[in-house]
């Protein structure tokens, strides 16, 4: 039904290392940060760099080896858009010089966003609306974070990934498993910035309401409760066993959570990819970045079957399988 034809990503030039954080927060150890979350550095967008600017750069890298005239739909996933309106996807169409007779839309999802984007792309292909979709996951979460918030600053980085999803008559029609639980919305939220005014801050929120708040223990509990079942459901829905899958690529949240999930789900270590040392948690961009790095390193070979799972803010989660 669909295939991922091309992946490119862009990371901002500015780098925040664990040593930089240790200088700002002397009670923290750079080695301890790496041991706990598996991150040594993360890329930070400048004041002038927005998700649109990052998306232009990741997409132009992609179009070095792909004819941009083939694109007939843009799907743009972000939770830090340039504007409330118009959609970033519309502006991107003009900035990239793409055809005018194409569709373009933004959608607001975080760490599950890449999986949802693939599901949307599959729907567009199945409906005969598009054959070549430019799926972009671009985030500047660090702009939501208070400079004094050492916990979230140690985790999140900024990035944009641009992916071509195409119709492929020879590709297996893998199914998606998606989930939502809005009762967890308060545990990962930016309360101020849109139009709701009568809000209350969580007592644990030490920063301003326009800053990101994350209840780490609750996010961890949500993940542990839902993701092992999501993996089982995805395998069953596609008639597969654990042995049928060559690689498992989860949202790169942090290494502690991923290792816990891997053991709980009983996925062999050699099939489970973890690598966020140099990028941090880039939200919706983590899975395509991981896939691209695996391809470049020769870890994923043509035809390999990959199970991907995203999960986080919302709460929302999703998984599917593709042959790369």
C-alpha atoms as a PDB file:
ATOM      1  CA  UNK A   1       0.000   0.000   0.000  1.00  0.00           C
ATOM      2  CA  UNK A   2       2.625   2.583   1.087  1.00  0.00           C
ATOM      3  CA  UNK A   3       6.391   2.751   1.373  1.00  0.00           C
ATOM      4  CA  UNK A   4       8.859   5.208   2.874  1.00  0.00           C
ATOM      5  CA  UNK A   5      11.028   6.241  -0.079  1.00  0.00           C
ATOM      6  CA  UNK A   6      13.244   8.965   1.372  1.00  0.00           C
ATOM      7  CA  UNK A   7      14.161  10.340   4.803  1.00  0.00           C
ATOM      8  CA  UNK A   8      16.262  13.365   5.651  1.00  0.00           C
ATOM      9  CA  UNK A   9      16.539  15.409   8.819  1.00  0.00           C
ATOM     10  CA  UNK A  10      18.001  18.685  10.005  1.00  0.00           C
ATOM     11  CA  UNK A  11      19.437  19.600  13.398  1.00  0.00           C
ATOM     12  CA  UNK A  12      20.064  23.230  14.456  1.00  0.00           C
ATOM     13  CA  UNK A  13      23.707  24.287  14.778  1.00  0.00           C
ATOM     14  CA  UNK A  14      23.537  25.297  18.442  1.00  0.00           C
ATOM     15  CA  UNK A  15      24.388  22.419  20.781  1.00  0.00           C
ATOM     16  CA  UNK A  16      23.666  22.116  24.490  1.00  0.00           C
ATOM     17  CA  UNK A  17      25.902  19.497  26.114  1.00  0.00           C
ATOM     18  CA  UNK A  18      25.624  17.824  29.495  1.00  0.00           C
ATOM     19  CA  UNK A  19      28.740  19.733  30.504  1.00  0.00           C
ATOM     20  CA  UNK A  20      26.943  22.995  29.656  1.00  0.00           C
ATOM     21  CA  UNK A  21      24.058  21.973  31.912  1.00  0.00           C
ATOM     22  CA  UNK A  22      26.465  21.006  34.685  1.00  0.00           C
ATOM     23  CA  UNK A  23      27.971  24.508  34.583  1.00  0.00           C
ATOM     24  CA  UNK A  24      24.505  26.057  34.956  1.00  0.00           C
ATOM     25  CA  UNK A  25      23.386  23.560  37.599  1.00  0.00           C
ATOM     26  CA  UNK A  26      26.461  22.535  39.648  1.00  0.00           C
ATOM     27  CA  UNK A  27      24.405  20.050  41.667  1.00  0.00           C
ATOM     28  CA  UNK A  28      23.988  17.981  38.485  1.00  0.00           C
ATOM     29  CA  UNK A  29      26.596  15.652  36.997  1.00  0.00           C
ATOM     30  CA  UNK A  30      27.032  15.403  33.224  1.00  0.00           C
ATOM     31  CA  UNK A  31      27.799  11.681  33.533  1.00  0.00           C
ATOM     32  CA  UNK A  32      24.736  11.150  35.694  1.00  0.00           C
ATOM     33  CA  UNK A  33      22.527  12.819  33.060  1.00  0.00           C
ATOM     34  CA  UNK A  34      23.871  10.466  30.393  1.00  0.00           C
ATOM     35  CA  UNK A  35      23.483   7.440  32.645  1.00  0.00           C
ATOM     36  CA  UNK A  36      19.872   8.311  33.421  1.00  0.00           C
ATOM     37  CA  UNK A  37      18.465   9.469  30.067  1.00  0.00           C
ATOM     38  CA  UNK A  38      21.058   8.300  27.533  1.00  0.00           C
ATOM     39  CA  UNK A  39      21.723  11.787  26.159  1.00  0.00           C
ATOM     40  CA  UNK A  40      25.064  13.612  25.908  1.00  0.00           C
ATOM     41  CA  UNK A  41      23.933  16.613  23.858  1.00  0.00           C
ATOM     42  CA  UNK A  42      20.895  18.096  22.163  1.00  0.00           C
ATOM     43  CA  UNK A  43      20.437  20.677  19.374  1.00  0.00           C
ATOM     44  CA  UNK A  44      18.688  23.941  20.218  1.00  0.00           C
ATOM     45  CA  UNK A  45      16.945  26.226  17.727  1.00  0.00           C
ATOM     46  CA  UNK A  46      17.967  29.883  17.734  1.00  0.00           C
ATOM     47  CA  UNK A  47      15.479  32.690  18.330  1.00  0.00           C
ATOM     48  CA  UNK A  48      15.109  33.090  14.556  1.00  0.00           C
ATOM     49  CA  UNK A  49      14.742  29.372  13.811  1.00  0.00           C
ATOM     50  CA  UNK A  50      11.152  28.130  13.727  1.00  0.00           C
ATOM     51  CA  UNK A  51       9.683  24.781  12.745  1.00  0.00           C
ATOM     52  CA  UNK A  52       9.156  26.216   9.255  1.00  0.00           C
ATOM     53  CA  UNK A  53      12.829  27.143   8.895  1.00  0.00           C
ATOM     54  CA  UNK A  54      13.899  23.701  10.101  1.00  0.00           C
ATOM     55  CA  UNK A  55      11.423  22.017   7.758  1.00  0.00           C
ATOM     56  CA  UNK A  56      12.716  23.930   4.751  1.00  0.00           C
ATOM     57  CA  UNK A  57      16.239  22.739   5.491  1.00  0.00           C
ATOM     58  CA  UNK A  58      15.341  19.081   6.027  1.00  0.00           C
ATOM     59  CA  UNK A  59      13.146  19.088   2.908  1.00  0.00           C
ATOM     60  CA  UNK A  60      15.751  20.707   0.671  1.00  0.00           C
ATOM     61  CA  UNK A  61      18.172  17.939   1.682  1.00  0.00           C
ATOM     62  CA  UNK A  62      15.537  15.430   0.597  1.00  0.00           C
ATOM     63  CA  UNK A  63      14.940  17.106  -2.771  1.00  0.00           C
ATOM     64  CA  UNK A  64      18.587  16.746  -3.755  1.00  0.00           C
ATOM     65  CA  UNK A  65      17.676  13.206  -4.836  1.00  0.00           C
ATOM     66  CA  UNK A  66      13.907  13.396  -5.256  1.00  0.00           C
ATOM     67  CA  UNK A  67      11.896  15.378  -7.798  1.00  0.00           C
ATOM     68  CA  UNK A  68       9.809  17.859  -5.812  1.00  0.00           C
ATOM     69  CA  UNK A  69       7.272  18.043  -8.661  1.00  0.00           C
ATOM     70  CA  UNK A  70       6.089  14.570  -7.680  1.00  0.00           C
ATOM     71  CA  UNK A  71       4.810  15.700  -4.254  1.00  0.00           C
ATOM     72  CA  UNK A  72       1.018  16.006  -4.239  1.00  0.00           C
ATOM     73  CA  UNK A  73       0.304  16.448  -0.518  1.00  0.00           C
ATOM     74  CA  UNK A  74       2.043  17.947   2.534  1.00  0.00           C
ATOM     75  CA  UNK A  75       1.385  16.640   6.047  1.00  0.00           C
ATOM     76  CA  UNK A  76       3.075  18.791   8.690  1.00  0.00           C
ATOM     77  CA  UNK A  77       3.201  17.584  12.293  1.00  0.00           C
ATOM     78  CA  UNK A  78       4.155  20.111  14.982  1.00  0.00           C
ATOM     79  CA  UNK A  79       3.181  21.381  18.416  1.00  0.00           C
ATOM     80  CA  UNK A  80       5.239  24.561  18.104  1.00  0.00           C
ATOM     81  CA  UNK A  81       3.920  26.167  14.887  1.00  0.00           C
ATOM     82  CA  UNK A  82       5.004  29.509  13.499  1.00  0.00           C
ATOM     83  CA  UNK A  83       1.435  30.832  13.654  1.00  0.00           C
ATOM     84  CA  UNK A  84      -2.020  29.831  14.849  1.00  0.00           C
ATOM     85  CA  UNK A  85      -3.006  30.596  11.282  1.00  0.00           C
ATOM     86  CA  UNK A  86      -2.224  30.062   8.483  1.00  0.00           C
ATOM     87  CA  UNK A  87      -1.003  26.491   8.630  1.00  0.00           C
ATOM     88  CA  UNK A  88       2.736  26.010   8.352  1.00  0.00           C
ATOM     89  CA  UNK A  89       2.198  23.463   5.573  1.00  0.00           C
ATOM     90  CA  UNK A  90       0.704  26.140   3.305  1.00  0.00           C
ATOM     91  CA  UNK A  91       3.666  28.453   3.782  1.00  0.00           C
ATOM     92  CA  UNK A  92       6.045  25.545   3.252  1.00  0.00           C
ATOM     93  CA  UNK A  93       4.473  24.778  -0.130  1.00  0.00           C
ATOM     94  CA  UNK A  94       5.483  28.249  -1.322  1.00  0.00           C
ATOM     95  CA  UNK A  95       8.911  28.213   0.322  1.00  0.00           C
ATOM     96  CA  UNK A  96       9.785  24.906  -1.335  1.00  0.00           C
ATOM     97  CA  UNK A  97       8.389  25.883  -4.737  1.00  0.00           C
ATOM     98  CA  UNK A  98       6.010  22.940  -4.832  1.00  0.00           C
ATOM     99  CA  UNK A  99       3.062  22.686  -7.196  1.00  0.00           C
ATOM    100  CA  UNK A 100      -0.104  24.608  -6.332  1.00  0.00           C
ATOM    101  CA  UNK A 101      -2.497  21.786  -7.171  1.00  0.00           C
ATOM    102  CA  UNK A 102      -1.580  19.854  -4.021  1.00  0.00           C
ATOM    103  CA  UNK A 103      -3.090  19.488  -0.564  1.00  0.00           C
ATOM    104  CA  UNK A 104      -1.397  20.792   2.577  1.00  0.00           C
ATOM    105  CA  UNK A 105      -2.333  20.612   6.248  1.00  0.00           C
ATOM    106  CA  UNK A 106      -0.885  20.765   9.754  1.00  0.00           C
ATOM    107  CA  UNK A 107      -1.748  18.369  12.539  1.00  0.00           C
ATOM    108  CA  UNK A 108      -1.015  18.805  16.227  1.00  0.00           C
ATOM    109  CA  UNK A 109       0.512  15.695  17.790  1.00  0.00           C
ATOM    110  CA  UNK A 110       3.692  15.033  19.701  1.00  0.00           C
ATOM    111  CA  UNK A 111       5.622  11.829  20.166  1.00  0.00           C
ATOM    112  CA  UNK A 112       3.059   9.673  18.339  1.00  0.00           C
ATOM    113  CA  UNK A 113       2.932  12.134  15.433  1.00  0.00           C
ATOM    114  CA  UNK A 114       5.049  10.215  12.938  1.00  0.00           C
ATOM    115  CA  UNK A 115       2.884   7.098  13.256  1.00  0.00           C
ATOM    116  CA  UNK A 116      -0.292   9.142  12.878  1.00  0.00           C
ATOM    117  CA  UNK A 117       1.250  10.874   9.862  1.00  0.00           C
ATOM    118  CA  UNK A 118       1.897   7.516   8.225  1.00  0.00           C
ATOM    119  CA  UNK A 119      -1.730   6.543   8.948  1.00  0.00           C
ATOM    120  CA  UNK A 120      -2.983   9.756   7.340  1.00  0.00           C
ATOM    121  CA  UNK A 121      -0.705   9.175   4.348  1.00  0.00           C
ATOM    122  CA  UNK A 122      -2.044   5.655   3.940  1.00  0.00           C
ATOM    123  CA  UNK A 123      -5.601   7.024   3.992  1.00  0.00           C
ATOM    124  CA  UNK A 124      -4.780   9.594   1.316  1.00  0.00           C
ATOM    125  CA  UNK A 125      -3.257   6.903  -0.875  1.00  0.00           C
ATOM    126  CA  UNK A 126      -6.127   4.458  -0.307  1.00  0.00           C
ATOM    127  CA  UNK A 127      -8.672   7.160  -1.183  1.00  0.00           C
ATOM    128  CA  UNK A 128      -6.854   7.992  -4.408  1.00  0.00           C
ATOM    129  CA  UNK A 129      -6.179  11.548  -3.211  1.00  0.00           C
ATOM    130  CA  UNK A 130      -2.370  11.413  -3.309  1.00  0.00           C
ATOM    131  CA  UNK A 131       0.484   9.219  -4.486  1.00  0.00           C
ATOM    132  CA  UNK A 132       3.505  11.072  -3.093  1.00  0.00           C
ATOM    133  CA  UNK A 133       3.204  12.663   0.337  1.00  0.00           C
ATOM    134  CA  UNK A 134       5.762  14.887   2.021  1.00  0.00           C
ATOM    135  CA  UNK A 135       5.404  14.036   5.718  1.00  0.00           C
ATOM    136  CA  UNK A 136       7.225  16.437   8.022  1.00  0.00           C
ATOM    137  CA  UNK A 137       7.735  16.185  11.760  1.00  0.00           C
ATOM    138  CA  UNK A 138       9.283  19.411  13.020  1.00  0.00           C
ATOM    139  CA  UNK A 139       9.569  20.603  16.607  1.00  0.00           C
ATOM    140  CA  UNK A 140      11.145  23.370  18.644  1.00  0.00           C
ATOM    141  CA  UNK A 141       9.990  22.144  22.059  1.00  0.00           C
ATOM    142  CA  UNK A 142      12.902  23.915  23.716  1.00  0.00           C
ATOM    143  CA  UNK A 143      11.090  27.207  23.109  1.00  0.00           C
ATOM    144  CA  UNK A 144       8.412  25.959  25.535  1.00  0.00           C
ATOM    145  CA  UNK A 145      10.925  25.191  28.299  1.00  0.00           C
ATOM    146  CA  UNK A 146      11.863  27.574  31.112  1.00  0.00           C
ATOM    147  CA  UNK A 147      15.658  28.192  31.252  1.00  0.00           C
ATOM    148  CA  UNK A 148      15.627  27.107  34.918  1.00  0.00           C
ATOM    149  CA  UNK A 149      13.899  23.798  34.131  1.00  0.00           C
ATOM    150  CA  UNK A 150      16.945  21.559  34.257  1.00  0.00           C
ATOM    151  CA  UNK A 151      14.965  18.325  34.023  1.00  0.00           C
ATOM    152  CA  UNK A 152      13.226  19.078  30.726  1.00  0.00           C
ATOM    153  CA  UNK A 153      16.269  20.872  29.326  1.00  0.00           C
ATOM    154  CA  UNK A 154      18.276  17.689  29.784  1.00  0.00           C
ATOM    155  CA  UNK A 155      15.788  15.679  27.718  1.00  0.00           C
ATOM    156  CA  UNK A 156      14.419  17.692  24.788  1.00  0.00           C
ATOM    157  CA  UNK A 157      16.135  18.852  21.602  1.00  0.00           C
ATOM    158  CA  UNK A 158      14.912  20.478  18.387  1.00  0.00           C
ATOM    159  CA  UNK A 159      14.847  18.919  14.915  1.00  0.00           C
ATOM    160  CA  UNK A 160      12.930  18.467  11.691  1.00  0.00           C
ATOM    161  CA  UNK A 161      12.533  15.282   9.654  1.00  0.00           C
ATOM    162  CA  UNK A 162      11.181  15.183   6.103  1.00  0.00           C
ATOM    163  CA  UNK A 163       9.906  11.894   4.713  1.00  0.00           C
ATOM    164  CA  UNK A 164       8.492  10.877   1.332  1.00  0.00           C
ATOM    165  CA  UNK A 165       5.656   8.365   1.682  1.00  0.00           C
ATOM    166  CA  UNK A 166       4.581   6.875  -1.655  1.00  0.00           C
ATOM    167  CA  UNK A 167       1.970   4.548  -3.043  1.00  0.00           C
ATOM    168  CA  UNK A 168       3.426   1.112  -3.677  1.00  0.00           C
ATOM    169  CA  UNK A 169       1.259  -1.581  -5.224  1.00  0.00           C
ATOM    170  CA  UNK A 170       3.755  -4.257  -4.166  1.00  0.00           C
ATOM    171  CA  UNK A 171       3.973  -3.231  -0.511  1.00  0.00           C
ATOM    172  CA  UNK A 172       2.175  -5.300   2.090  1.00  0.00           C
ATOM    173  CA  UNK A 173      -0.898  -3.603   3.562  1.00  0.00           C
ATOM    174  CA  UNK A 174       0.151  -3.400   7.207  1.00  0.00           C
ATOM    175  CA  UNK A 175      -2.440  -2.253   9.722  1.00  0.00           C
ATOM    176  CA  UNK A 176      -2.206   0.521  12.315  1.00  0.00           C
ATOM    177  CA  UNK A 177      -3.065   0.431  16.015  1.00  0.00           C
ATOM    178  CA  UNK A 178      -3.878   3.854  17.467  1.00  0.00           C
ATOM    179  CA  UNK A 179      -4.926   4.927  20.947  1.00  0.00           C
ATOM    180  CA  UNK A 180      -6.041   7.974  22.907  1.00  0.00           C
ATOM    181  CA  UNK A 181      -6.599   8.776  26.582  1.00  0.00           C
ATOM    182  CA  UNK A 182      -7.319  12.453  27.130  1.00  0.00           C
ATOM    183  CA  UNK A 183      -7.578  11.977  30.898  1.00  0.00           C
ATOM    184  CA  UNK A 184      -3.786  12.297  30.974  1.00  0.00           C
ATOM    185  CA  UNK A 185      -3.688  15.686  29.243  1.00  0.00           C
ATOM    186  CA  UNK A 186      -2.607  17.558  32.385  1.00  0.00           C
ATOM    187  CA  UNK A 187       0.564  15.510  32.729  1.00  0.00           C
ATOM    188  CA  UNK A 188       2.297  16.947  29.645  1.00  0.00           C
ATOM    189  CA  UNK A 189       0.971  20.370  28.791  1.00  0.00           C
ATOM    190  CA  UNK A 190       1.616  24.017  27.989  1.00  0.00           C
ATOM    191  CA  UNK A 191      -1.328  25.711  29.701  1.00  0.00           C
ATOM    192  CA  UNK A 192      -0.979  29.277  28.438  1.00  0.00           C
ATOM    193  CA  UNK A 193      -0.615  30.412  24.861  1.00  0.00           C
ATOM    194  CA  UNK A 194      -3.924  29.644  23.192  1.00  0.00           C
ATOM    195  CA  UNK A 195      -7.390  30.905  24.148  1.00  0.00           C
ATOM    196  CA  UNK A 196      -8.259  29.100  27.384  1.00  0.00           C
ATOM    197  CA  UNK A 197      -7.883  31.588  30.230  1.00  0.00           C
ATOM    198  CA  UNK A 198      -9.572  29.971  33.269  1.00  0.00           C
ATOM    199  CA  UNK A 199      -6.862  27.415  33.965  1.00  0.00           C
ATOM    200  CA  UNK A 200      -5.135  26.378  37.155  1.00  0.00           C
ATOM    201  CA  UNK A 201      -1.518  25.328  37.384  1.00  0.00           C
ATOM    202  CA  UNK A 202      -0.568  21.974  38.810  1.00  0.00           C
ATOM    203  CA  UNK A 203       0.873  22.493  42.311  1.00  0.00           C
ATOM    204  CA  UNK A 204       4.106  20.839  41.156  1.00  0.00           C
ATOM    205  CA  UNK A 205       4.578  23.303  38.271  1.00  0.00           C
ATOM    206  CA  UNK A 206       7.501  25.485  39.318  1.00  0.00           C
ATOM    207  CA  UNK A 207       7.486  27.660  36.212  1.00  0.00           C
ATOM    208  CA  UNK A 208       5.252  29.991  34.213  1.00  0.00           C
ATOM    209  CA  UNK A 209       2.049  28.684  32.575  1.00  0.00           C
ATOM    210  CA  UNK A 210       3.477  29.316  29.101  1.00  0.00           C
ATOM    211  CA  UNK A 211       6.263  26.847  29.911  1.00  0.00           C
ATOM    212  CA  UNK A 212       6.150  23.112  29.344  1.00  0.00           C
ATOM    213  CA  UNK A 213       5.034  21.031  32.318  1.00  0.00           C
ATOM    214  CA  UNK A 214       5.756  17.310  32.381  1.00  0.00           C
ATOM    215  CA  UNK A 215       4.876  14.935  35.182  1.00  0.00           C
ATOM    216  CA  UNK A 216       7.626  12.423  34.518  1.00  0.00           C
ATOM    217  CA  UNK A 217       6.418   9.620  36.811  1.00  0.00           C
ATOM    218  CA  UNK A 218       2.898   9.733  35.360  1.00  0.00           C
ATOM    219  CA  UNK A 219       4.214   9.722  31.785  1.00  0.00           C
ATOM    220  CA  UNK A 220       6.382   6.729  32.675  1.00  0.00           C
ATOM    221  CA  UNK A 221       3.411   4.903  34.223  1.00  0.00           C
ATOM    222  CA  UNK A 222       1.226   5.606  31.186  1.00  0.00           C
ATOM    223  CA  UNK A 223       3.904   4.242  28.875  1.00  0.00           C
ATOM    224  CA  UNK A 224       4.530   1.082  30.866  1.00  0.00           C
ATOM    225  CA  UNK A 225       0.795   0.393  31.146  1.00  0.00           C
ATOM    226  CA  UNK A 226      -0.020   0.860  27.454  1.00  0.00           C
ATOM    227  CA  UNK A 227       2.926   0.211  25.157  1.00  0.00           C
ATOM    228  CA  UNK A 228       3.588  -3.512  25.772  1.00  0.00           C
ATOM    229  CA  UNK A 229      -0.067  -4.150  24.920  1.00  0.00           C
ATOM    230  CA  UNK A 230       0.250  -1.901  21.871  1.00  0.00           C
ATOM    231  CA  UNK A 231       3.133  -4.021  20.574  1.00  0.00           C
ATOM    232  CA  UNK A 232       1.184  -7.255  21.091  1.00  0.00           C
ATOM    233  CA  UNK A 233      -1.910  -5.793  19.417  1.00  0.00           C
ATOM    234  CA  UNK A 234       0.115  -4.581  16.431  1.00  0.00           C
ATOM    235  CA  UNK A 235       1.739  -7.971  15.946  1.00  0.00           C
ATOM    236  CA  UNK A 236      -1.596  -9.793  16.222  1.00  0.00           C
ATOM    237  CA  UNK A 237      -3.407  -7.382  13.906  1.00  0.00           C
ATOM    238  CA  UNK A 238      -0.766  -7.956  11.240  1.00  0.00           C
ATOM    239  CA  UNK A 239      -0.507 -11.714  11.729  1.00  0.00           C
ATOM    240  CA  UNK A 240       3.087 -11.515  12.934  1.00  0.00           C
ATOM    241  CA  UNK A 241       5.170 -12.849  15.781  1.00  0.00           C
ATOM    242  CA  UNK A 242       8.135 -11.219  17.517  1.00  0.00           C
ATOM    243  CA  UNK A 243      10.424 -13.412  15.401  1.00  0.00           C
ATOM    244  CA  UNK A 244       8.927 -12.018  12.167  1.00  0.00           C
ATOM    245  CA  UNK A 245      10.111  -8.476  12.962  1.00  0.00           C
ATOM    246  CA  UNK A 246      13.692  -7.496  12.152  1.00  0.00           C
ATOM    247  CA  UNK A 247      13.791  -4.228  14.097  1.00  0.00           C
ATOM    248  CA  UNK A 248      11.758  -2.410  16.733  1.00  0.00           C
ATOM    249  CA  UNK A 249      11.980   1.391  16.699  1.00  0.00           C
ATOM    250  CA  UNK A 250      10.165   3.198  19.482  1.00  0.00           C
ATOM    251  CA  UNK A 251       9.859   6.913  20.113  1.00  0.00           C
ATOM    252  CA  UNK A 252      13.234   7.876  21.576  1.00  0.00           C
ATOM    253  CA  UNK A 253      11.952   9.290  24.868  1.00  0.00           C
ATOM    254  CA  UNK A 254      14.862   8.413  27.143  1.00  0.00           C
ATOM    255  CA  UNK A 255      17.060   5.363  27.505  1.00  0.00           C
ATOM    256  CA  UNK A 256      15.792   4.351  30.952  1.00  0.00           C
ATOM    257  CA  UNK A 257      12.192   4.178  29.766  1.00  0.00           C
ATOM    258  CA  UNK A 258      13.125   2.388  26.532  1.00  0.00           C
ATOM    259  CA  UNK A 259      15.211  -0.261  28.269  1.00  0.00           C
ATOM    260  CA  UNK A 260      12.402  -0.868  30.752  1.00  0.00           C
ATOM    261  CA  UNK A 261       9.903  -1.210  27.897  1.00  0.00           C
ATOM    262  CA  UNK A 262      12.166  -3.555  25.962  1.00  0.00           C
ATOM    263  CA  UNK A 263      12.538  -5.905  28.918  1.00  0.00           C
ATOM    264  CA  UNK A 264       8.837  -5.786  29.796  1.00  0.00           C
ATOM    265  CA  UNK A 265       7.883  -6.495  26.182  1.00  0.00           C
ATOM    266  CA  UNK A 266      10.596  -9.193  25.894  1.00  0.00           C
ATOM    267  CA  UNK A 267      12.106  -7.747  22.726  1.00  0.00           C
ATOM    268  CA  UNK A 268      15.651  -9.047  22.036  1.00  0.00           C
ATOM    269  CA  UNK A 269      18.240  -6.328  22.615  1.00  0.00           C
ATOM    270  CA  UNK A 270      19.790  -6.881  19.168  1.00  0.00           C
ATOM    271  CA  UNK A 271      16.443  -6.010  17.528  1.00  0.00           C
ATOM    272  CA  UNK A 272      15.765  -2.904  19.616  1.00  0.00           C
ATOM    273  CA  UNK A 273      17.246   0.414  18.517  1.00  0.00           C
ATOM    274  CA  UNK A 274      18.224   3.099  21.033  1.00  0.00           C
ATOM    275  CA  UNK A 275      20.281   6.096  19.983  1.00  0.00           C
ATOM    276  CA  UNK A 276      19.530   9.588  21.233  1.00  0.00           C
ATOM    277  CA  UNK A 277      22.975  10.468  22.569  1.00  0.00           C
ATOM    278  CA  UNK A 278      23.551  13.344  20.168  1.00  0.00           C
ATOM    279  CA  UNK A 279      20.004  14.556  19.512  1.00  0.00           C
ATOM    280  CA  UNK A 280      17.957  14.103  22.683  1.00  0.00           C
ATOM    281  CA  UNK A 281      14.201  13.641  22.589  1.00  0.00           C
ATOM    282  CA  UNK A 282      13.080  15.471  19.433  1.00  0.00           C
ATOM    283  CA  UNK A 283       9.396  14.592  19.987  1.00  0.00           C
ATOM    284  CA  UNK A 284       7.637  13.676  16.698  1.00  0.00           C
ATOM    285  CA  UNK A 285      10.961  13.561  14.814  1.00  0.00           C
ATOM    286  CA  UNK A 286      12.651  10.815  16.857  1.00  0.00           C
ATOM    287  CA  UNK A 287      11.423   7.804  14.861  1.00  0.00           C
ATOM    288  CA  UNK A 288      12.299   9.094  11.362  1.00  0.00           C
ATOM    289  CA  UNK A 289      15.682  10.286  12.661  1.00  0.00           C
ATOM    290  CA  UNK A 290      16.320   6.824  14.121  1.00  0.00           C
ATOM    291  CA  UNK A 291      15.269   5.139  10.853  1.00  0.00           C
ATOM    292  CA  UNK A 292      17.564   7.366   8.811  1.00  0.00           C
ATOM    293  CA  UNK A 293      20.511   6.725  11.130  1.00  0.00           C
ATOM    294  CA  UNK A 294      19.861   2.968  11.008  1.00  0.00           C
ATOM    295  CA  UNK A 295      19.874   3.088   7.205  1.00  0.00           C
ATOM    296  CA  UNK A 296      23.070   5.119   7.082  1.00  0.00           C
ATOM    297  CA  UNK A 297      24.790   2.712   9.483  1.00  0.00           C
ATOM    298  CA  UNK A 298      23.641  -0.327   7.505  1.00  0.00           C
ATOM    299  CA  UNK A 299      21.607  -1.654  10.434  1.00  0.00           C
ATOM    300  CA  UNK A 300      18.420  -1.691   8.348  1.00  0.00           C
ATOM    301  CA  UNK A 301      18.681  -3.406   4.991  1.00  0.00           C
ATOM    302  CA  UNK A 302      16.294  -3.317   2.035  1.00  0.00           C
ATOM    303  CA  UNK A 303      13.191  -5.329   2.770  1.00  0.00           C
ATOM    304  CA  UNK A 304      13.679  -5.459   6.548  1.00  0.00           C
ATOM    305  CA  UNK A 305      10.463  -5.454   8.550  1.00  0.00           C
ATOM    306  CA  UNK A 306      10.324  -2.695  11.180  1.00  0.00           C
ATOM    307  CA  UNK A 307       7.744  -2.240  13.921  1.00  0.00           C
ATOM    308  CA  UNK A 308       7.480   1.413  14.967  1.00  0.00           C
ATOM    309  CA  UNK A 309       5.702   2.742  18.044  1.00  0.00           C
ATOM    310  CA  UNK A 310       5.122   6.328  19.169  1.00  0.00           C
ATOM    311  CA  UNK A 311       3.603   7.470  22.466  1.00  0.00           C
ATOM    312  CA  UNK A 312       3.289  10.530  24.667  1.00  0.00           C
ATOM    313  CA  UNK A 313       1.474  13.843  25.010  1.00  0.00           C
ATOM    314  CA  UNK A 314      -2.289  13.615  24.733  1.00  0.00           C
ATOM    315  CA  UNK A 315      -2.099  10.885  25.871  1.00  0.00           C
ATOM    316  CA  UNK A 316      -1.813   9.377  22.416  1.00  0.00           C
ATOM    317  CA  UNK A 317      -0.068   6.323  21.046  1.00  0.00           C
ATOM    318  CA  UNK A 318       0.245   4.396  17.810  1.00  0.00           C
ATOM    319  CA  UNK A 319       2.163   1.642  16.080  1.00  0.00           C
ATOM    320  CA  UNK A 320       2.498  -0.017  12.698  1.00  0.00           C
ATOM    321  CA  UNK A 321       4.862  -2.128  10.628  1.00  0.00           C
ATOM    322  CA  UNK A 322       6.654  -1.286   7.387  1.00  0.00           C
ATOM    323  CA  UNK A 323       9.145  -2.965   5.109  1.00  0.00           C
ATOM    324  CA  UNK A 324      12.000  -0.519   4.650  1.00  0.00           C
END
